Amino acid sequence: MGTTAIIVLIVSFIILLVIGVPIAYSISIAGILTMLVSIDSLPAFTTYAQRMASGLDSFTLLAIPFFILAGNIMNKGGIAFRLVDFARSIVGNMKGGLAFVNVLANMLFGAISGSAAASASAIGSIM
């Protein structure tokens, strides 16, 4: 990447952030502008589309949103509240009990769902 492309990337990203564009859109627009400056416009958009599509090929990254969805479904079903109440009944009366309740509830929810991300999204919304 040449110095012109780096300057375009940084300056466009900062300008977009200053005018209040959300970070995800700022990164995307700055990346597109950098590709347009770096190479011809048609291959740039083709490359951009291919990179976005190839991100869906990773099963590891694709599983994360589904684990979070599973955590939200379990949260709406009430299992997260029941786990927090169970953990509170075990360790809630100790000194620093809220921290112990949080750790125990996350441990139990992580064991049920198999994902730390789902556990953090479900129990974190309660605590």
N, C-alpha and C. Protein backbone atom coordinates (compact mmCIF):
# COMPACT_ATOMS: atom_id res chain seq x y z
N MET A 1 0.85 -1.16 0.00
CA MET A 1 0.00 0.00 0.00
C MET A 1 0.90 1.23 0.00
N GLY A 2 0.64 2.13 -0.92
CA GLY A 2 1.45 3.33 -1.01
C GLY A 2 1.08 4.35 0.03
N THR A 3 1.90 5.38 0.09
CA THR A 3 1.65 6.43 1.09
C THR A 3 0.37 7.20 0.78
N THR A 4 0.03 7.34 -0.50
CA THR A 4 -1.21 8.03 -0.86
C THR A 4 -2.41 7.27 -0.33
N ALA A 5 -2.39 5.96 -0.48
CA ALA A 5 -3.51 5.16 -0.01
C ALA A 5 -3.63 5.21 1.51
N ILE A 6 -2.51 5.20 2.20
CA ILE A 6 -2.54 5.28 3.67
C ILE A 6 -3.09 6.63 4.12
N ILE A 7 -2.67 7.69 3.45
CA ILE A 7 -3.18 9.03 3.80
C ILE A 7 -4.68 9.11 3.55
N VAL A 8 -5.13 8.58 2.40
CA VAL A 8 -6.57 8.59 2.10
C VAL A 8 -7.33 7.79 3.14
N LEU A 9 -6.80 6.65 3.54
CA LEU A 9 -7.46 5.81 4.54
C LEU A 9 -7.61 6.54 5.87
N ILE A 10 -6.54 7.09 6.36
CA ILE A 10 -6.56 7.74 7.68
C ILE A 10 -7.40 9.01 7.66
N VAL A 11 -7.19 9.85 6.65
CA VAL A 11 -7.91 11.13 6.59
C VAL A 11 -9.41 10.90 6.40
N SER A 12 -9.78 10.00 5.49
CA SER A 12 -11.21 9.76 5.27
C SER A 12 -11.86 9.14 6.50
N PHE A 13 -11.16 8.26 7.19
CA PHE A 13 -11.71 7.66 8.40
C PHE A 13 -11.93 8.71 9.48
N ILE A 14 -10.95 9.58 9.68
CA ILE A 14 -11.07 10.62 10.71
C ILE A 14 -12.18 11.60 10.36
N ILE A 15 -12.26 12.01 9.10
CA ILE A 15 -13.30 12.96 8.68
C ILE A 15 -14.68 12.34 8.89
N LEU A 16 -14.84 11.09 8.52
CA LEU A 16 -16.14 10.43 8.70
C LEU A 16 -16.51 10.31 10.17
N LEU A 17 -15.54 10.04 11.02
CA LEU A 17 -15.83 9.97 12.46
C LEU A 17 -16.20 11.34 13.02
N VAL A 18 -15.51 12.38 12.55
CA VAL A 18 -15.78 13.72 13.07
C VAL A 18 -17.18 14.19 12.69
N ILE A 19 -17.64 13.84 11.49
CA ILE A 19 -18.98 14.29 11.08
C ILE A 19 -20.08 13.41 11.65
N GLY A 20 -19.72 12.37 12.39
CA GLY A 20 -20.71 11.60 13.13
C GLY A 20 -21.18 10.32 12.46
N VAL A 21 -20.47 9.83 11.47
CA VAL A 21 -20.84 8.57 10.84
C VAL A 21 -20.45 7.43 11.79
N PRO A 22 -21.29 6.42 11.95
CA PRO A 22 -20.94 5.30 12.83
C PRO A 22 -19.63 4.63 12.40
N ILE A 23 -18.95 4.03 13.37
CA ILE A 23 -17.61 3.49 13.14
C ILE A 23 -17.61 2.42 12.06
N ALA A 24 -18.59 1.52 12.06
CA ALA A 24 -18.61 0.45 11.07
C ALA A 24 -18.71 1.01 9.66
N TYR A 25 -19.58 2.01 9.48
CA TYR A 25 -19.71 2.63 8.15
C TYR A 25 -18.47 3.42 7.79
N SER A 26 -17.85 4.05 8.77
CA SER A 26 -16.63 4.82 8.51
C SER A 26 -15.51 3.91 8.03
N ILE A 27 -15.35 2.77 8.68
CA ILE A 27 -14.32 1.82 8.26
C ILE A 27 -14.60 1.32 6.85
N SER A 28 -15.86 0.99 6.58
CA SER A 28 -16.22 0.47 5.26
C SER A 28 -16.00 1.50 4.16
N ILE A 29 -16.46 2.71 4.38
CA ILE A 29 -16.32 3.77 3.37
C ILE A 29 -14.86 4.13 3.17
N ALA A 30 -14.10 4.22 4.26
CA ALA A 30 -12.67 4.53 4.14
C ALA A 30 -11.95 3.42 3.39
N GLY A 31 -12.32 2.18 3.62
CA GLY A 31 -11.71 1.06 2.89
C GLY A 31 -12.02 1.10 1.41
N ILE A 32 -13.28 1.41 1.08
CA ILE A 32 -13.66 1.51 -0.34
C ILE A 32 -12.92 2.65 -1.01
N LEU A 33 -12.84 3.80 -0.36
CA LEU A 33 -12.11 4.93 -0.94
C LEU A 33 -10.64 4.60 -1.13
N THR A 34 -10.06 3.89 -0.20
CA THR A 34 -8.65 3.51 -0.32
C THR A 34 -8.45 2.56 -1.49
N MET A 35 -9.37 1.61 -1.67
CA MET A 35 -9.25 0.71 -2.81
C MET A 35 -9.42 1.45 -4.13
N LEU A 36 -10.33 2.42 -4.15
CA LEU A 36 -10.51 3.19 -5.38
C LEU A 36 -9.28 4.01 -5.73
N VAL A 37 -8.59 4.51 -4.72
CA VAL A 37 -7.36 5.27 -4.97
C VAL A 37 -6.23 4.34 -5.37
N SER A 38 -6.19 3.15 -4.78
CA SER A 38 -5.07 2.23 -5.02
C SER A 38 -5.10 1.61 -6.41
N ILE A 39 -6.26 1.11 -6.82
CA ILE A 39 -6.36 0.40 -8.10
C ILE A 39 -7.57 0.89 -8.86
N ASP A 40 -7.81 0.32 -10.05
CA ASP A 40 -8.98 0.70 -10.84
C ASP A 40 -10.25 0.42 -10.08
N SER A 41 -11.32 1.10 -10.44
CA SER A 41 -12.56 1.02 -9.67
C SER A 41 -13.25 -0.33 -9.81
N LEU A 42 -13.30 -0.91 -11.00
CA LEU A 42 -14.02 -2.17 -11.18
C LEU A 42 -13.38 -3.32 -10.41
N PRO A 43 -12.06 -3.55 -10.53
CA PRO A 43 -11.48 -4.62 -9.71
C PRO A 43 -11.57 -4.35 -8.21
N ALA A 44 -11.60 -3.08 -7.83
CA ALA A 44 -11.69 -2.76 -6.41
C ALA A 44 -13.02 -3.24 -5.84
N PHE A 45 -14.10 -2.96 -6.54
CA PHE A 45 -15.40 -3.40 -6.04
C PHE A 45 -15.54 -4.92 -6.11
N THR A 46 -14.95 -5.54 -7.12
CA THR A 46 -14.97 -7.00 -7.21
C THR A 46 -14.20 -7.61 -6.04
N THR A 47 -13.04 -7.05 -5.75
CA THR A 47 -12.24 -7.53 -4.63
C THR A 47 -12.97 -7.34 -3.31
N TYR A 48 -13.62 -6.20 -3.15
CA TYR A 48 -14.35 -5.91 -1.92
C TYR A 48 -15.49 -6.91 -1.72
N ALA A 49 -16.22 -7.20 -2.79
CA ALA A 49 -17.33 -8.16 -2.68
C ALA A 49 -16.80 -9.56 -2.40
N GLN A 50 -15.68 -9.94 -3.02
CA GLN A 50 -15.11 -11.26 -2.77
C GLN A 50 -14.62 -11.39 -1.33
N ARG A 51 -14.03 -10.34 -0.79
CA ARG A 51 -13.56 -10.39 0.60
C ARG A 51 -14.73 -10.53 1.57
N MET A 52 -15.82 -9.82 1.28
CA MET A 52 -16.99 -9.93 2.16
C MET A 52 -17.59 -11.33 2.09
N ALA A 53 -17.66 -11.91 0.89
CA ALA A 53 -18.23 -13.25 0.74
C ALA A 53 -17.32 -14.31 1.33
N SER A 54 -16.01 -14.13 1.23
CA SER A 54 -15.09 -15.14 1.77
C SER A 54 -15.10 -15.14 3.29
N GLY A 55 -15.54 -14.07 3.91
CA GLY A 55 -15.66 -14.05 5.36
C GLY A 55 -16.72 -15.01 5.87
N LEU A 56 -17.69 -15.34 5.02
CA LEU A 56 -18.74 -16.28 5.41
C LEU A 56 -18.29 -17.73 5.30
N ASP A 57 -17.12 -17.97 4.71
CA ASP A 57 -16.61 -19.34 4.57
C ASP A 57 -16.01 -19.87 5.87
N SER A 58 -15.71 -19.01 6.80
CA SER A 58 -15.10 -19.43 8.05
C SER A 58 -16.18 -19.91 9.02
N PHE A 59 -16.21 -21.21 9.28
CA PHE A 59 -17.22 -21.76 10.18
C PHE A 59 -17.01 -21.28 11.61
N THR A 60 -15.78 -21.01 11.97
CA THR A 60 -15.51 -20.54 13.32
C THR A 60 -16.14 -19.18 13.55
N LEU A 61 -15.96 -18.27 12.60
CA LEU A 61 -16.54 -16.94 12.74
C LEU A 61 -18.05 -16.96 12.54
N LEU A 62 -18.54 -17.88 11.75
CA LEU A 62 -19.97 -17.97 11.51
C LEU A 62 -20.72 -18.50 12.73
N ALA A 63 -20.04 -19.27 13.58
CA ALA A 63 -20.69 -19.86 14.75
C ALA A 63 -20.95 -18.83 15.85
N ILE A 64 -20.14 -17.78 15.91
CA ILE A 64 -20.27 -16.81 17.00
C ILE A 64 -21.64 -16.14 17.04
N PRO A 65 -22.17 -15.61 15.92
CA PRO A 65 -23.51 -15.00 16.00
C PRO A 65 -24.59 -16.01 16.37
N PHE A 66 -24.43 -17.26 15.97
CA PHE A 66 -25.44 -18.26 16.33
C PHE A 66 -25.38 -18.62 17.81
N PHE A 67 -24.19 -18.63 18.40
CA PHE A 67 -24.09 -18.84 19.84
C PHE A 67 -24.72 -17.67 20.60
N ILE A 68 -24.50 -16.46 20.11
CA ILE A 68 -25.12 -15.30 20.76
C ILE A 68 -26.64 -15.36 20.61
N LEU A 69 -27.11 -15.78 19.43
CA LEU A 69 -28.55 -15.96 19.23
C LEU A 69 -29.11 -17.01 20.20
N ALA A 70 -28.38 -18.11 20.37
CA ALA A 70 -28.82 -19.14 21.31
C ALA A 70 -28.87 -18.59 22.74
N GLY A 71 -27.89 -17.77 23.10
CA GLY A 71 -27.90 -17.15 24.42
C GLY A 71 -29.08 -16.22 24.61
N ASN A 72 -29.42 -15.46 23.57
CA ASN A 72 -30.56 -14.55 23.67
C ASN A 72 -31.88 -15.33 23.75
N ILE A 73 -31.96 -16.43 23.02
CA ILE A 73 -33.17 -17.26 23.10
C ILE A 73 -33.32 -17.85 24.49
N MET A 74 -32.22 -18.35 25.06
CA MET A 74 -32.27 -18.89 26.42
C MET A 74 -32.58 -17.80 27.44
N ASN A 75 -32.11 -16.59 27.17
CA ASN A 75 -32.40 -15.47 28.07
C ASN A 75 -33.89 -15.14 28.03
N LYS A 76 -34.47 -15.11 26.84
CA LYS A 76 -35.91 -14.82 26.73
C LYS A 76 -36.75 -15.95 27.33
N GLY A 77 -36.21 -17.16 27.30
CA GLY A 77 -36.92 -18.29 27.89
C GLY A 77 -36.88 -18.31 29.40
N GLY A 78 -36.01 -17.53 30.00
CA GLY A 78 -35.96 -17.42 31.44
C GLY A 78 -34.89 -18.25 32.12
N ILE A 79 -34.12 -19.01 31.36
CA ILE A 79 -33.10 -19.86 31.99
C ILE A 79 -32.00 -19.02 32.62
N ALA A 80 -31.69 -17.88 32.04
CA ALA A 80 -30.64 -17.04 32.60
C ALA A 80 -31.06 -16.50 33.97
N PHE A 81 -32.31 -16.09 34.10
CA PHE A 81 -32.80 -15.61 35.40
C PHE A 81 -32.77 -16.73 36.44
N ARG A 82 -33.16 -17.93 36.02
CA ARG A 82 -33.15 -19.05 36.95
C ARG A 82 -31.74 -19.41 37.40
N LEU A 83 -30.78 -19.33 36.47
CA LEU A 83 -29.39 -19.62 36.84
C LEU A 83 -28.85 -18.58 37.80
N VAL A 84 -29.19 -17.31 37.58
CA VAL A 84 -28.74 -16.26 38.49
C VAL A 84 -29.37 -16.45 39.86
N ASP A 85 -30.66 -16.79 39.91
CA ASP A 85 -31.30 -17.04 41.20
C ASP A 85 -30.69 -18.25 41.91
N PHE A 86 -30.36 -19.29 41.15
CA PHE A 86 -29.72 -20.47 41.74
C PHE A 86 -28.34 -20.12 42.29
N ALA A 87 -27.57 -19.38 41.51
CA ALA A 87 -26.23 -18.98 41.97
C ALA A 87 -26.33 -18.05 43.17
N ARG A 88 -27.34 -17.18 43.19
CA ARG A 88 -27.53 -16.28 44.33
C ARG A 88 -27.89 -17.07 45.59
N SER A 89 -28.66 -18.15 45.43
CA SER A 89 -29.01 -18.95 46.60
C SER A 89 -27.81 -19.71 47.15
N ILE A 90 -26.83 -20.02 46.30
CA ILE A 90 -25.65 -20.75 46.76
C ILE A 90 -24.62 -19.81 47.38
N VAL A 91 -24.24 -18.75 46.67
CA VAL A 91 -23.12 -17.91 47.13
C VAL A 91 -23.52 -16.46 47.36
N GLY A 92 -24.80 -16.15 47.30
CA GLY A 92 -25.22 -14.76 47.41
C GLY A 92 -25.05 -14.15 48.78
N ASN A 93 -25.00 -14.96 49.84
CA ASN A 93 -24.91 -14.40 51.18
C ASN A 93 -23.47 -14.21 51.65
N MET A 94 -22.51 -14.54 50.82
CA MET A 94 -21.10 -14.35 51.18
C MET A 94 -20.69 -12.90 50.92
N LYS A 95 -19.57 -12.50 51.52
CA LYS A 95 -19.04 -11.17 51.26
C LYS A 95 -18.57 -11.13 49.80
N GLY A 96 -18.98 -10.11 49.06
CA GLY A 96 -18.68 -10.04 47.63
C GLY A 96 -19.51 -11.03 46.84
N GLY A 97 -20.71 -11.30 47.33
CA GLY A 97 -21.55 -12.32 46.74
C GLY A 97 -21.96 -12.06 45.31
N LEU A 98 -22.14 -10.78 44.94
CA LEU A 98 -22.56 -10.47 43.58
C LEU A 98 -21.51 -10.90 42.56
N ALA A 99 -20.25 -10.72 42.90
CA ALA A 99 -19.18 -11.16 42.00
C ALA A 99 -19.18 -12.68 41.87
N PHE A 100 -19.37 -13.37 43.00
CA PHE A 100 -19.43 -14.83 42.96
C PHE A 100 -20.64 -15.32 42.18
N VAL A 101 -21.77 -14.63 42.36
CA VAL A 101 -22.98 -14.99 41.61
C VAL A 101 -22.74 -14.83 40.12
N ASN A 102 -22.09 -13.74 39.73
CA ASN A 102 -21.81 -13.49 38.32
C ASN A 102 -20.93 -14.59 37.74
N VAL A 103 -19.86 -14.94 38.45
CA VAL A 103 -18.94 -15.97 37.96
C VAL A 103 -19.63 -17.33 37.89
N LEU A 104 -20.36 -17.69 38.92
CA LEU A 104 -21.03 -18.99 38.95
C LEU A 104 -22.11 -19.08 37.88
N ALA A 105 -22.91 -18.03 37.71
CA ALA A 105 -23.96 -18.04 36.69
C ALA A 105 -23.36 -18.12 35.29
N ASN A 106 -22.28 -17.39 35.04
CA ASN A 106 -21.62 -17.47 33.73
C ASN A 106 -21.01 -18.85 33.51
N MET A 107 -20.47 -19.44 34.56
CA MET A 107 -19.89 -20.78 34.43
C MET A 107 -20.98 -21.80 34.08
N LEU A 108 -22.10 -21.74 34.77
CA LEU A 108 -23.19 -22.67 34.49
C LEU A 108 -23.79 -22.45 33.10
N PHE A 109 -23.99 -21.19 32.74
CA PHE A 109 -24.57 -20.90 31.43
C PHE A 109 -23.61 -21.28 30.32
N GLY A 110 -22.32 -21.06 30.53
CA GLY A 110 -21.33 -21.48 29.54
C GLY A 110 -21.29 -22.98 29.38
N ALA A 111 -21.48 -23.72 30.47
CA ALA A 111 -21.51 -25.18 30.39
C ALA A 111 -22.75 -25.66 29.63
N ILE A 112 -23.85 -24.95 29.79
CA ILE A 112 -25.08 -25.34 29.09
C ILE A 112 -25.00 -25.01 27.61
N SER A 113 -24.58 -23.79 27.29
CA SER A 113 -24.60 -23.35 25.89
C SER A 113 -23.35 -23.74 25.13
N GLY A 114 -22.23 -23.91 25.81
CA GLY A 114 -20.99 -24.26 25.14
C GLY A 114 -20.25 -23.08 24.57
N SER A 115 -20.64 -21.87 24.95
CA SER A 115 -20.02 -20.69 24.37
C SER A 115 -19.90 -19.60 25.43
N ALA A 116 -18.72 -19.02 25.50
CA ALA A 116 -18.52 -17.90 26.41
C ALA A 116 -19.22 -16.65 25.88
N ALA A 117 -19.29 -16.51 24.56
CA ALA A 117 -19.96 -15.33 23.98
C ALA A 117 -21.45 -15.35 24.28
N ALA A 118 -22.08 -16.51 24.17
CA ALA A 118 -23.50 -16.61 24.50
C ALA A 118 -23.73 -16.37 25.98
N SER A 119 -22.83 -16.87 26.80
CA SER A 119 -22.94 -16.67 28.24
C SER A 119 -22.82 -15.19 28.59
N ALA A 120 -21.87 -14.52 27.99
CA ALA A 120 -21.68 -13.09 28.28
C ALA A 120 -22.87 -12.27 27.80
N SER A 121 -23.44 -12.62 26.66
CA SER A 121 -24.57 -11.84 26.16
C SER A 121 -25.83 -12.08 26.98
N ALA A 122 -26.03 -13.30 27.45
CA ALA A 122 -27.26 -13.59 28.19
C ALA A 122 -27.16 -13.15 29.65
N ILE A 123 -26.12 -13.54 30.35
CA ILE A 123 -25.98 -13.19 31.76
C ILE A 123 -25.61 -11.72 31.91
N GLY A 124 -24.85 -11.20 30.99
CA GLY A 124 -24.45 -9.79 31.06
C GLY A 124 -25.63 -8.84 30.98
N SER A 125 -26.68 -9.24 30.26
CA SER A 125 -27.85 -8.37 30.18
C SER A 125 -28.63 -8.36 31.49
N ILE A 126 -28.48 -9.38 32.30
CA ILE A 126 -29.17 -9.44 33.59
C ILE A 126 -28.39 -8.71 34.66
N MET A 127 -27.09 -8.95 34.70
CA MET A 127 -26.26 -8.38 35.76
C MET A 127 -26.06 -6.92 35.47
